[in-house]
Amino acid sequence: MSAAEHPPGTLVAGKYELRGLLGAGGVGAVYAATNIAIGRRVAIKFLGPELSNREDLKARFDMEARASAAIDHPGIVDVLD
């Protein structure tokens, strides 16, 4: 996945403006972004487009988000959406 797929300035879900690619791995990429309504800095993780039709990977992606959201610790990121 290249940064060109989601260039800076891209609006995601009508409220997050991408700032740049933070890193990419085997199943996706993480981008720095800002919630434009409140100015909060966030990170957005995308599942790679070549894998987005795989139900097992989408389920794993959702499970990871739920697991992270269930943990309240300063060393674990908050999951917003």
Protein backbone atom coordinates (compact mmCIF):
# COMPACT_ATOMS: atom_id res chain seq x y z
CA MET A 1 0.00 0.00 0.00
CA SER A 2 1.43 3.36 -0.93
CA ALA A 3 0.85 6.77 0.57
CA ALA A 4 -0.46 7.83 -2.84
CA GLU A 5 -3.55 5.69 -2.22
CA HIS A 6 -4.55 8.04 0.61
CA PRO A 7 -2.74 11.36 0.06
CA PRO A 8 -2.60 14.09 2.72
CA GLY A 9 -5.79 16.12 2.76
CA THR A 10 -8.04 13.12 2.01
CA LEU A 11 -11.23 13.30 4.08
CA VAL A 12 -12.28 10.01 5.71
CA ALA A 13 -15.82 9.39 7.01
CA GLY A 14 -16.59 13.07 6.58
CA LYS A 15 -14.61 14.02 9.69
CA TYR A 16 -10.98 12.89 9.60
CA GLU A 17 -8.40 14.65 7.43
CA LEU A 18 -5.36 12.53 6.62
CA ARG A 19 -1.96 14.09 7.31
CA GLY A 20 0.43 11.37 6.17
CA LEU A 21 1.43 7.73 6.28
CA LEU A 22 2.83 6.53 9.62
CA GLY A 23 3.58 2.97 8.58
CA ALA A 24 2.47 0.00 6.53
CA GLY A 25 2.60 -3.74 7.02
CA GLY A 26 1.36 -6.99 5.61
CA VAL A 27 -2.36 -6.31 5.96
CA GLY A 28 -2.70 -2.54 5.88
CA ALA A 29 -1.44 0.91 6.73
CA VAL A 30 -1.76 3.48 9.50
CA TYR A 31 -2.11 7.19 8.77
CA ALA A 32 -1.85 10.28 10.96
CA ALA A 33 -5.06 12.32 10.78
CA THR A 34 -7.01 15.06 12.50
CA ASN A 35 -10.64 15.11 13.53
CA ILE A 36 -11.56 18.34 11.76
CA ALA A 37 -14.51 19.16 14.07
CA ILE A 38 -12.49 19.21 17.30
CA GLY A 39 -8.86 19.30 16.18
CA ARG A 40 -7.97 16.01 17.89
CA ARG A 41 -5.00 14.13 16.46
CA VAL A 42 -5.80 10.50 15.62
CA ALA A 43 -4.39 7.52 13.78
CA ILE A 44 -6.45 5.68 11.19
CA LYS A 45 -5.76 2.09 10.29
CA PHE A 46 -6.82 0.84 6.85
CA LEU A 47 -7.07 -2.77 5.79
CA GLY A 48 -5.30 -3.17 2.44
CA PRO A 49 -7.63 -2.98 -0.57
CA GLU A 50 -6.47 -6.34 -1.86
CA LEU A 51 -7.58 -7.91 1.43
CA SER A 52 -10.77 -5.96 2.15
CA ASN A 53 -12.99 -8.65 0.61
CA ARG A 54 -11.70 -11.36 2.94
CA GLU A 55 -14.28 -11.91 5.66
CA ASP A 56 -11.74 -13.56 8.00
CA LEU A 57 -9.45 -10.52 7.89
CA LYS A 58 -12.32 -8.06 8.30
CA ALA A 59 -13.45 -10.04 11.36
CA ARG A 60 -9.91 -9.98 12.78
CA PHE A 61 -9.68 -6.23 12.12
CA ASP A 62 -12.98 -5.66 13.99
CA MET A 63 -11.90 -7.95 16.84
CA GLU A 64 -8.64 -6.01 17.23
CA ALA A 65 -10.60 -2.73 17.46
CA ARG A 66 -12.99 -4.15 20.06
CA ALA A 67 -10.15 -5.58 22.14
CA SER A 68 -8.26 -2.27 22.10
CA ALA A 69 -11.43 -0.33 22.96
CA ALA A 70 -12.02 -2.54 26.00
CA ILE A 71 -8.68 -1.61 27.58
CA ASP A 72 -8.32 1.64 29.51
CA HIS A 73 -4.60 2.19 29.93
CA PRO A 74 -2.29 5.11 29.08
CA GLY A 75 -0.11 2.81 26.98
CA ILE A 76 -3.01 1.67 24.77
CA VAL A 77 -4.58 3.91 22.15
CA ASP A 78 -8.26 4.87 22.39
CA VAL A 79 -10.45 3.43 19.66
CA LEU A 80 -12.99 6.01 18.48
CA ASP A 81 -14.64 4.54 15.37
